[in-house]
Amino acid sequence: MESTGSAVSDRRKSKPETLLATLGRTSTHDSGFVNPPLVRGSTVLHPNVEELGQRARRRAAGDDAMPVSYGRYGTPTHHEFCDALTALEGGHRSWALPSGQTACAIAIQAYVRPGDHVLVPDSVYAPVRRFCSHTLARYGIGTTFYPPRIGENIESMFRADTRVLFVESPGSLTFEVQDLPMLARVAHRHGAVCVADNTWATPLYQQPLALGADVTVHAATKYIGGHSDLLLGTVTANETAWPALRDAIHQYGLIASPDDCWLALRGLRSLAARLARHRANAERLIGWLRGQPEVDRVLYPALPEDPGYALWQRDFHGASGLFGVVLAAAVPERAMQAMIDGLQLFGRGYSWGGFESLLIPVRPERTAEPLPISAPMFRISAGLEDPDDLIADLSAGFERLRERI
């Protein structure tokens, strides 16, 4: 199942753009093709009974370096993608899963047992909130949601049975940046595993493992895939955290389609170029939106006035194209809905990180403390279209909004 790590360690000194273009191509060296082949399959034939039994024993012992023995443990296509991701994240091993939600769920569940406790930010991705509140609760595992900007006061929330500290930075919908190095240090003092969702920044713009996290997860559906044509999640762990994560994945039989891994590996090739355009378009849109009297503020960590700007400068290497917009309190919901319904270039759809721009209304849920925003909000995923066309679409939308105030 696990990525082999072959030809990874010697390339990690290369710059990220070079890694994106060269990693995950080990199986092409003898064929002459620049892209690795797509390999599907379940059954792997073994040369003899001795080899058949030996691989089974090595698999049971958790041998990460063994050859592929069955399709559930991956084909060369899976391993090419996972090796590339491992190098980009600076981790020990990686694996690909059917969705980002699967990645988040297994990265928590791998380290807990009935009676244990996990800490999760109040700004977390809503399906992860529901997984913790409902699924974990059914197995006697408690969850406490903590304010995402709690800082060093997180220490007081740890209990003797706290096993996982989950971090999502920036947070879903409201984009709070968390002090990951500090949170990881506190987690380790209490013997807990620190799991970080790195979907917004991608491995190109933040490396949570280098900042102290034990496991990093991605909804690779989004920027890594980049084309809105796959569902994929990934987990990458350091050497200490990997065995428990690997075993949990084994027990649940979790594996992504080789087709989706092939698409994700293709997506990595253009990730740097796409992210640069996503950010450039986001900044153009933000500049225009901040000039509209109906906009109270924009939620984007790369803005100097953002509360998380100092942490973003310290821990991140760039910013992606996803941000939030808070309208003035006087703007009614019906006016925002009219603005959104008439948009031509901004799609009304969930997810983000694809080539197309999206805009949806958002209503963040909070448990630990009241949401400090009461006005209507929407979220934009800036795609790859011409920014002037996007601004023209927004401009027409704001005219509809004003007609209904």
Protein backbone atom coordinates (compact mmCIF):
# COMPACT_ATOMS: atom_id res chain seq x y z
CA MET A 1 0.00 0.00 0.00
CA GLU A 2 2.59 2.55 1.06
CA SER A 3 4.62 4.73 -1.24
CA THR A 4 8.09 3.39 -1.66
CA GLY A 5 10.03 6.62 -1.30
CA SER A 6 12.23 5.60 -4.23
CA ALA A 7 14.19 8.40 -5.90
CA VAL A 8 12.65 10.89 -3.46
CA SER A 9 15.31 11.78 -0.90
CA ASP A 10 17.90 12.86 -3.47
CA ARG A 11 15.49 15.30 -5.09
CA ARG A 12 14.24 17.11 -2.01
CA LYS A 13 16.95 19.73 -2.34
CA SER A 14 15.46 20.91 -5.64
CA LYS A 15 13.14 23.93 -5.67
CA PRO A 16 9.39 23.23 -5.54
CA GLU A 17 8.74 24.04 -9.19
CA THR A 18 11.40 21.53 -10.21
CA LEU A 19 9.96 18.90 -7.89
CA LEU A 20 6.51 19.38 -9.40
CA ALA A 21 7.87 18.71 -12.87
CA THR A 22 10.13 15.78 -12.05
CA LEU A 23 8.72 13.75 -9.17
CA GLY A 24 6.52 10.72 -9.74
CA ARG A 25 8.16 9.76 -13.00
CA THR A 26 10.34 6.82 -11.98
CA SER A 27 8.36 4.30 -14.03
CA THR A 28 8.95 6.26 -17.25
CA HIS A 29 12.73 5.93 -17.26
CA ASP A 30 12.86 2.73 -19.31
CA SER A 31 9.86 3.40 -21.56
CA GLY A 32 10.87 6.79 -22.88
CA PHE A 33 7.44 8.30 -22.18
CA VAL A 34 7.46 11.49 -20.14
CA ASN A 35 4.30 10.53 -18.22
CA PRO A 36 4.01 7.37 -16.13
CA PRO A 37 1.44 4.83 -17.32
CA LEU A 38 -1.96 4.44 -15.68
CA VAL A 39 -1.94 1.02 -14.00
CA ARG A 40 -5.23 -0.51 -12.86
CA GLY A 41 -5.47 -3.88 -11.22
CA SER A 42 -6.41 -6.07 -8.29
CA THR A 43 -4.50 -9.33 -8.65
CA VAL A 44 -0.70 -9.39 -8.58
CA LEU A 45 0.91 -12.65 -9.69
CA HIS A 46 3.85 -14.03 -7.71
CA PRO A 47 6.56 -16.23 -9.19
CA ASN A 48 6.23 -19.02 -6.60
CA VAL A 49 4.64 -20.05 -3.30
CA GLU A 50 7.65 -18.94 -1.28
CA GLU A 51 7.43 -15.40 -2.68
CA LEU A 52 3.66 -15.38 -2.17
CA GLY A 53 4.04 -16.21 1.52
CA GLN A 54 7.00 -13.93 2.04
CA ARG A 55 5.13 -10.90 0.77
CA ALA A 56 2.16 -11.73 2.96
CA ARG A 57 4.40 -11.94 6.02
CA ARG A 58 6.17 -8.69 5.18
CA ARG A 59 2.84 -6.99 4.68
CA ALA A 60 1.58 -8.22 8.05
CA ALA A 61 4.77 -6.96 9.68
CA GLY A 62 4.23 -3.47 8.20
CA ASP A 63 7.15 -3.55 5.77
CA ASP A 64 6.85 -0.28 3.83
CA ALA A 65 9.50 -1.18 1.26
CA MET A 66 7.98 -4.41 -0.03
CA PRO A 67 6.82 -4.77 -3.65
CA VAL A 68 3.12 -4.45 -4.44
CA SER A 69 1.31 -7.65 -3.54
CA TYR A 70 -2.37 -6.81 -4.11
CA GLY A 71 -4.29 -3.95 -5.68
CA ARG A 72 -5.67 -2.75 -2.36
CA TYR A 73 -2.11 -1.81 -1.42
CA GLY A 74 -1.70 0.26 -4.57
CA THR A 75 -0.44 0.00 -8.11
CA PRO A 76 2.62 1.80 -9.51
CA THR A 77 0.28 4.70 -10.33
CA HIS A 78 -0.61 5.16 -6.66
CA HIS A 79 3.02 4.99 -5.58
CA GLU A 80 4.22 7.50 -8.17
CA PHE A 81 1.74 10.06 -6.89
CA CYS A 82 2.30 9.28 -3.21
CA ASP A 83 6.09 9.47 -3.55
CA ALA A 84 5.77 12.87 -5.20
CA LEU A 85 3.51 14.13 -2.42
CA THR A 86 5.81 12.77 0.28
CA ALA A 87 8.72 14.73 -1.17
CA LEU A 88 6.70 17.93 -1.47
CA GLU A 89 5.45 17.65 2.12
CA GLY A 90 8.81 16.58 3.54
CA GLY A 91 7.21 13.54 5.13
CA HIS A 92 7.95 9.87 5.69
CA ARG A 93 5.07 8.22 3.82
CA SER A 94 1.84 9.26 2.09
CA TRP A 95 -1.32 7.60 0.93
CA ALA A 96 -4.24 8.56 -1.32
CA LEU A 97 -7.84 8.15 -0.18
CA PRO A 98 -11.27 8.50 -1.81
CA SER A 99 -11.92 12.09 -0.59
CA GLY A 100 -10.63 14.89 1.59
CA GLN A 101 -13.26 14.02 4.19
CA THR A 102 -11.92 10.45 4.29
CA ALA A 103 -8.40 11.78 4.82
CA CYS A 104 -9.47 13.99 7.73
CA ALA A 105 -11.55 11.24 9.33
CA ILE A 106 -8.91 8.51 9.18
CA ALA A 107 -6.17 10.91 10.33
CA ILE A 108 -8.15 11.45 13.53
CA GLN A 109 -9.55 7.97 14.02
CA ALA A 110 -6.15 6.30 13.64
CA TYR A 111 -5.01 7.69 16.98
CA VAL A 112 -8.08 7.37 19.20
CA ARG A 113 -9.91 4.65 21.11
CA PRO A 114 -13.18 4.65 23.09
CA GLY A 115 -12.84 7.01 26.03
CA ASP A 116 -10.30 9.27 24.30
CA HIS A 117 -10.66 12.97 23.56
CA VAL A 118 -9.81 15.20 20.58
CA LEU A 119 -9.46 18.96 20.17
CA VAL A 120 -10.76 20.52 16.95
CA PRO A 121 -10.88 24.21 15.92
CA ASP A 122 -14.30 25.83 15.89
CA SER A 123 -13.59 27.01 12.33
CA VAL A 124 -13.12 23.47 11.01
CA TYR A 125 -14.53 22.14 7.73
CA ALA A 126 -18.19 21.34 8.45
CA PRO A 127 -18.09 17.61 7.52
CA VAL A 128 -15.18 17.12 9.95
CA ARG A 129 -17.28 18.83 12.65
CA ARG A 130 -20.12 16.39 11.98
CA PHE A 131 -17.75 13.40 11.95
CA CYS A 132 -16.46 14.36 15.38
CA SER A 133 -19.84 15.26 16.85
CA HIS A 134 -21.68 12.22 15.55
CA THR A 135 -19.44 9.35 14.43
CA LEU A 136 -16.73 9.67 17.06
CA ALA A 137 -19.35 10.28 19.72
CA ARG A 138 -21.03 6.96 18.86
CA TYR A 139 -17.77 5.22 19.77
CA GLY A 140 -17.36 7.05 23.06
CA ILE A 141 -14.75 9.51 21.81
CA GLY A 142 -15.24 13.07 23.01
CA THR A 143 -14.59 16.25 21.04
CA THR A 144 -14.02 19.77 22.30
CA PHE A 145 -14.13 22.59 19.76
CA TYR A 146 -11.68 25.34 20.60
CA PRO A 147 -11.58 28.98 19.39
CA PRO A 148 -9.21 29.01 16.40
CA ARG A 149 -7.30 32.02 17.74
CA ILE A 150 -7.04 30.66 21.28
CA GLY A 151 -3.24 30.86 21.22
CA GLU A 152 -1.33 29.49 24.20
CA ASN A 153 -4.55 29.16 26.19
CA ILE A 154 -5.06 25.90 24.30
CA GLU A 155 -2.96 24.34 27.08
CA SER A 156 -5.88 24.52 29.49
CA MET A 157 -8.11 22.52 27.14
CA PHE A 158 -5.93 19.42 27.10
CA ARG A 159 -7.03 16.52 29.25
CA ALA A 160 -5.26 13.37 30.33
CA ASP A 161 -7.14 11.49 27.60
CA THR A 162 -6.57 14.00 24.76
CA ARG A 163 -5.00 12.10 21.89
CA VAL A 164 -5.36 14.39 18.84
CA LEU A 165 -5.11 18.11 18.23
CA PHE A 166 -6.58 18.97 14.83
CA VAL A 167 -5.50 22.20 13.13
CA GLU A 168 -6.98 23.84 10.04
CA SER A 169 -5.12 26.95 8.99
CA PRO A 170 -6.61 29.05 7.51
CA GLY A 171 -10.00 27.95 8.83
CA SER A 172 -12.90 27.01 6.60
CA LEU A 173 -15.09 29.95 5.62
CA THR A 174 -13.65 32.47 8.11
CA PHE A 175 -9.92 32.03 7.31
CA GLU A 176 -8.37 32.27 10.77
CA VAL A 177 -4.64 31.50 10.72
CA GLN A 178 -3.46 29.33 13.59
CA ASP A 179 -0.05 29.29 15.24
CA LEU A 180 0.82 25.78 14.12
CA PRO A 181 4.33 25.53 15.64
CA MET A 182 3.05 26.59 19.05
CA LEU A 183 0.01 24.32 18.89
CA ALA A 184 2.14 21.35 17.87
CA ARG A 185 4.55 21.95 20.77
CA VAL A 186 1.67 21.99 23.24
CA ALA A 187 0.17 18.85 21.73
CA HIS A 188 3.47 17.00 22.04
CA ARG A 189 3.90 18.08 25.65
CA HIS A 190 0.63 16.31 26.34
CA GLY A 191 1.48 13.23 24.29
CA ALA A 192 -1.04 14.06 21.56
CA VAL A 193 -0.72 13.81 17.78
CA CYS A 194 -1.03 17.06 15.81
CA VAL A 195 -2.96 16.71 12.53
CA ALA A 196 -3.02 19.69 10.14
CA ASP A 197 -5.33 20.29 7.17
CA ASN A 198 -3.15 21.95 4.52
CA THR A 199 -5.65 22.15 1.66
CA TRP A 200 -5.77 25.97 1.32
CA ALA A 201 -2.01 26.44 1.10
CA THR A 202 -1.07 23.17 -0.67
CA PRO A 203 2.42 21.68 -0.11
CA LEU A 204 3.78 24.51 -2.22
CA TYR A 205 2.88 27.27 0.21
CA GLN A 206 3.11 25.57 3.61
CA GLN A 207 4.80 22.46 5.02
CA PRO A 208 3.01 21.62 8.29
CA LEU A 209 5.36 18.73 9.11
CA ALA A 210 8.32 21.10 9.11
CA LEU A 211 6.33 23.37 11.45
CA GLY A 212 5.77 20.57 13.96
CA ALA A 213 2.67 18.68 12.83
CA ASP A 214 2.76 14.89 12.78
CA VAL A 215 0.25 14.37 9.98
CA THR A 216 -0.87 16.62 7.16
CA VAL A 217 -4.04 16.07 5.15
CA HIS A 218 -5.36 17.45 1.87
CA ALA A 219 -8.56 17.52 -0.04
CA ALA A 220 -6.59 16.88 -3.23
CA THR A 221 -9.91 17.28 -5.00
CA LYS A 222 -9.13 20.98 -4.93
CA TYR A 223 -5.85 22.67 -5.89
CA ILE A 224 -3.80 19.50 -6.34
CA GLY A 225 -6.30 18.05 -8.82
CA GLY A 226 -7.05 21.50 -10.13
CA HIS A 227 -9.59 20.59 -12.81
CA SER A 228 -12.78 19.74 -10.87
CA ASP A 229 -12.79 16.23 -12.29
CA LEU A 230 -11.76 14.02 -9.35
CA LEU A 231 -12.42 13.33 -5.69
CA LEU A 232 -9.27 12.59 -3.70
CA GLY A 233 -7.83 12.94 -0.23
CA THR A 234 -4.27 12.47 0.95
CA VAL A 235 -2.44 11.88 4.21
CA THR A 236 1.28 12.35 4.82
CA ALA A 237 2.90 11.48 8.15
CA ASN A 238 6.26 11.68 9.84
CA GLU A 239 8.03 8.45 10.72
CA THR A 240 6.64 8.26 14.26
CA ALA A 241 3.02 8.82 13.32
CA TRP A 242 2.99 6.69 10.17
CA PRO A 243 2.57 3.14 11.60
CA ALA A 244 -0.75 3.84 13.36
CA LEU A 245 -2.06 5.70 10.32
CA ARG A 246 -0.95 2.93 7.97
CA ASP A 247 -2.62 0.28 10.12
CA ALA A 248 -5.91 2.19 10.24
CA ILE A 249 -5.90 2.56 6.46
CA HIS A 250 -5.22 -1.19 6.14
CA GLN A 251 -8.06 -2.12 8.46
CA TYR A 252 -10.60 -0.01 6.61
CA GLY A 253 -9.29 -1.04 3.18
CA LEU A 254 -9.05 2.58 2.05
CA ILE A 255 -7.60 3.34 -1.35
CA ALA A 256 -8.26 5.89 -4.06
CA SER A 257 -8.80 5.00 -7.69
CA PRO A 258 -5.59 4.77 -9.74
CA ASP A 259 -7.33 6.92 -12.33
CA ASP A 260 -7.75 9.71 -9.78
CA CYS A 261 -4.15 9.36 -8.63
CA TRP A 262 -3.01 9.67 -12.24
CA LEU A 263 -5.10 12.82 -12.65
CA ALA A 264 -3.73 14.23 -9.38
CA LEU A 265 -0.17 13.58 -10.49
CA ARG A 266 -0.95 15.42 -13.71
CA GLY A 267 -2.42 18.24 -11.62
CA LEU A 268 0.82 18.59 -9.66
CA ARG A 269 2.71 19.45 -12.85
CA SER A 270 0.88 22.76 -13.25
CA LEU A 271 0.26 23.52 -9.57
CA ALA A 272 2.80 26.35 -9.26
CA ALA A 273 1.58 28.11 -12.40
CA ARG A 274 -2.07 27.72 -11.48
CA LEU A 275 -1.62 28.93 -7.92
CA ALA A 276 0.17 32.06 -9.13
CA ARG A 277 -2.78 32.86 -11.39
CA HIS A 278 -5.35 31.99 -8.70
CA ARG A 279 -3.66 34.40 -6.30
CA ALA A 280 -3.26 37.16 -8.89
CA ASN A 281 -6.95 36.94 -9.78
CA ALA A 282 -7.93 36.84 -6.11
CA GLU A 283 -5.94 40.00 -5.41
CA ARG A 284 -7.55 41.81 -8.35
CA LEU A 285 -11.01 40.83 -7.15
CA ILE A 286 -10.21 41.77 -3.57
CA GLY A 287 -8.95 45.17 -4.66
CA TRP A 288 -12.21 45.82 -6.48
CA LEU A 289 -14.43 44.45 -3.71
CA ARG A 290 -12.77 46.60 -1.05
CA GLY A 291 -13.85 49.64 -3.03
CA GLN A 292 -17.54 48.75 -2.82
CA PRO A 293 -19.46 50.53 -0.05
CA GLU A 294 -21.55 47.39 0.59
CA VAL A 295 -18.43 45.38 1.54
CA ASP A 296 -17.46 45.57 5.19
CA ARG A 297 -14.26 43.49 4.93
CA VAL A 298 -12.47 40.73 3.09
CA LEU A 299 -11.19 37.62 4.89
CA TYR A 300 -7.81 36.76 3.36
CA PRO A 301 -4.65 36.05 5.39
CA ALA A 302 -2.36 37.74 2.85
CA LEU A 303 -3.91 41.16 3.52
CA PRO A 304 -1.79 43.29 5.90
CA GLU A 305 -4.87 44.21 7.94
CA ASP A 306 -5.93 40.59 8.41
CA PRO A 307 -5.57 39.39 12.05
CA GLY A 308 -3.57 36.39 10.84
CA TYR A 309 -1.21 38.31 8.58
CA ALA A 310 1.87 38.06 10.85
CA LEU A 311 1.48 34.28 11.20
CA TRP A 312 0.85 33.96 7.47
CA GLN A 313 4.07 35.87 6.75
CA ARG A 314 6.03 33.66 9.11
CA ASP A 315 4.71 30.23 8.19
CA PHE A 316 3.49 30.41 4.58
CA HIS A 317 5.27 30.85 1.26
CA GLY A 318 2.26 32.19 -0.63
CA ALA A 319 -1.51 32.51 -0.75
CA SER A 320 -4.10 30.71 -2.83
CA GLY A 321 -7.25 32.03 -4.49
CA LEU A 322 -9.90 31.31 -1.85
CA PHE A 323 -11.23 34.12 0.37
CA GLY A 324 -14.31 35.34 2.18
CA VAL A 325 -16.33 38.56 1.91
CA VAL A 326 -18.38 40.11 4.72
CA LEU A 327 -21.04 42.53 3.59
CA ALA A 328 -22.25 45.54 5.52
CA ALA A 329 -24.76 44.74 8.22
CA ALA A 330 -27.45 46.75 6.42
CA VAL A 331 -27.37 44.45 3.37
CA PRO A 332 -30.31 42.01 3.52
CA GLU A 333 -29.85 38.34 2.62
CA ARG A 334 -32.29 38.68 -0.29
CA ALA A 335 -30.09 41.35 -1.87
CA MET A 336 -27.01 39.12 -1.65
CA GLN A 337 -28.98 36.23 -3.11
CA ALA A 338 -30.07 38.35 -6.09
CA MET A 339 -26.46 39.35 -6.64
CA ILE A 340 -25.31 35.72 -6.65
CA ASP A 341 -28.19 34.26 -8.67
CA GLY A 342 -27.50 36.45 -11.71
CA LEU A 343 -23.76 35.84 -11.98
CA GLN A 344 -22.63 34.46 -15.32
CA LEU A 345 -18.95 33.56 -14.77
CA PHE A 346 -19.01 32.67 -11.08
CA GLY A 347 -20.56 29.25 -10.61
CA ARG A 348 -22.74 28.43 -7.64
CA GLY A 349 -21.17 25.20 -6.47
CA TYR A 350 -19.35 23.64 -3.56
CA SER A 351 -15.67 22.79 -3.54
CA TRP A 352 -12.98 25.13 -4.85
CA GLY A 353 -9.50 25.11 -6.33
CA GLY A 354 -10.55 24.22 -9.88
CA PHE A 355 -10.03 26.29 -13.01
CA GLU A 356 -13.49 27.85 -12.72
CA SER A 357 -14.48 30.70 -10.40
CA LEU A 358 -17.11 29.95 -7.77
CA LEU A 359 -19.15 32.12 -5.41
CA ILE A 360 -21.50 30.83 -2.71
CA PRO A 361 -23.18 32.29 0.39
CA VAL A 362 -21.80 30.90 3.66
CA ARG A 363 -23.19 30.57 7.16
CA PRO A 364 -20.38 29.36 9.44
CA GLU A 365 -21.29 27.18 12.38
CA ARG A 366 -19.75 27.76 15.80
CA THR A 367 -19.76 25.81 19.05
CA ALA A 368 -17.00 27.20 21.29
CA GLU A 369 -18.00 30.84 21.01
CA PRO A 370 -20.45 32.95 18.99
CA LEU A 371 -19.42 33.80 15.44
CA PRO A 372 -18.10 37.38 15.54
CA ILE A 373 -19.82 38.11 12.22
CA SER A 374 -23.58 38.66 11.94
CA ALA A 375 -23.76 40.23 8.46
CA PRO A 376 -24.27 38.25 5.23
CA MET A 377 -21.15 36.53 3.92
CA PHE A 378 -20.03 34.85 0.74
CA ARG A 379 -16.95 32.95 -0.36
CA ILE A 380 -15.08 33.29 -3.63
CA SER A 381 -12.80 30.80 -5.28
CA ALA A 382 -10.95 32.84 -7.89
CA GLY A 383 -10.44 30.71 -10.99
CA LEU A 384 -8.27 31.17 -14.04
CA GLU A 385 -10.52 33.45 -16.12
CA ASP A 386 -9.57 36.97 -17.19
CA PRO A 387 -9.88 39.15 -14.06
CA ASP A 388 -11.50 42.02 -15.95
CA ASP A 389 -14.31 39.72 -17.06
CA LEU A 390 -14.74 38.48 -13.50
CA ILE A 391 -14.91 42.04 -12.17
CA ALA A 392 -17.50 42.94 -14.80
CA ASP A 393 -19.62 40.01 -13.65
CA LEU A 394 -19.29 41.11 -10.02
CA SER A 395 -20.08 44.70 -10.94
CA ALA A 396 -23.36 43.67 -12.54
CA GLY A 397 -24.07 41.57 -9.49
CA PHE A 398 -23.56 44.46 -7.10
CA GLU A 399 -25.95 46.55 -9.19
CA ARG A 400 -28.60 43.89 -8.60
CA LEU A 401 -27.71 43.93 -4.90
CA ARG A 402 -28.17 47.70 -4.68
CA GLU A 403 -31.56 47.54 -6.35
CA ARG A 404 -32.79 45.43 -3.44
CA ILE A 405 -31.43 47.39 -0.51
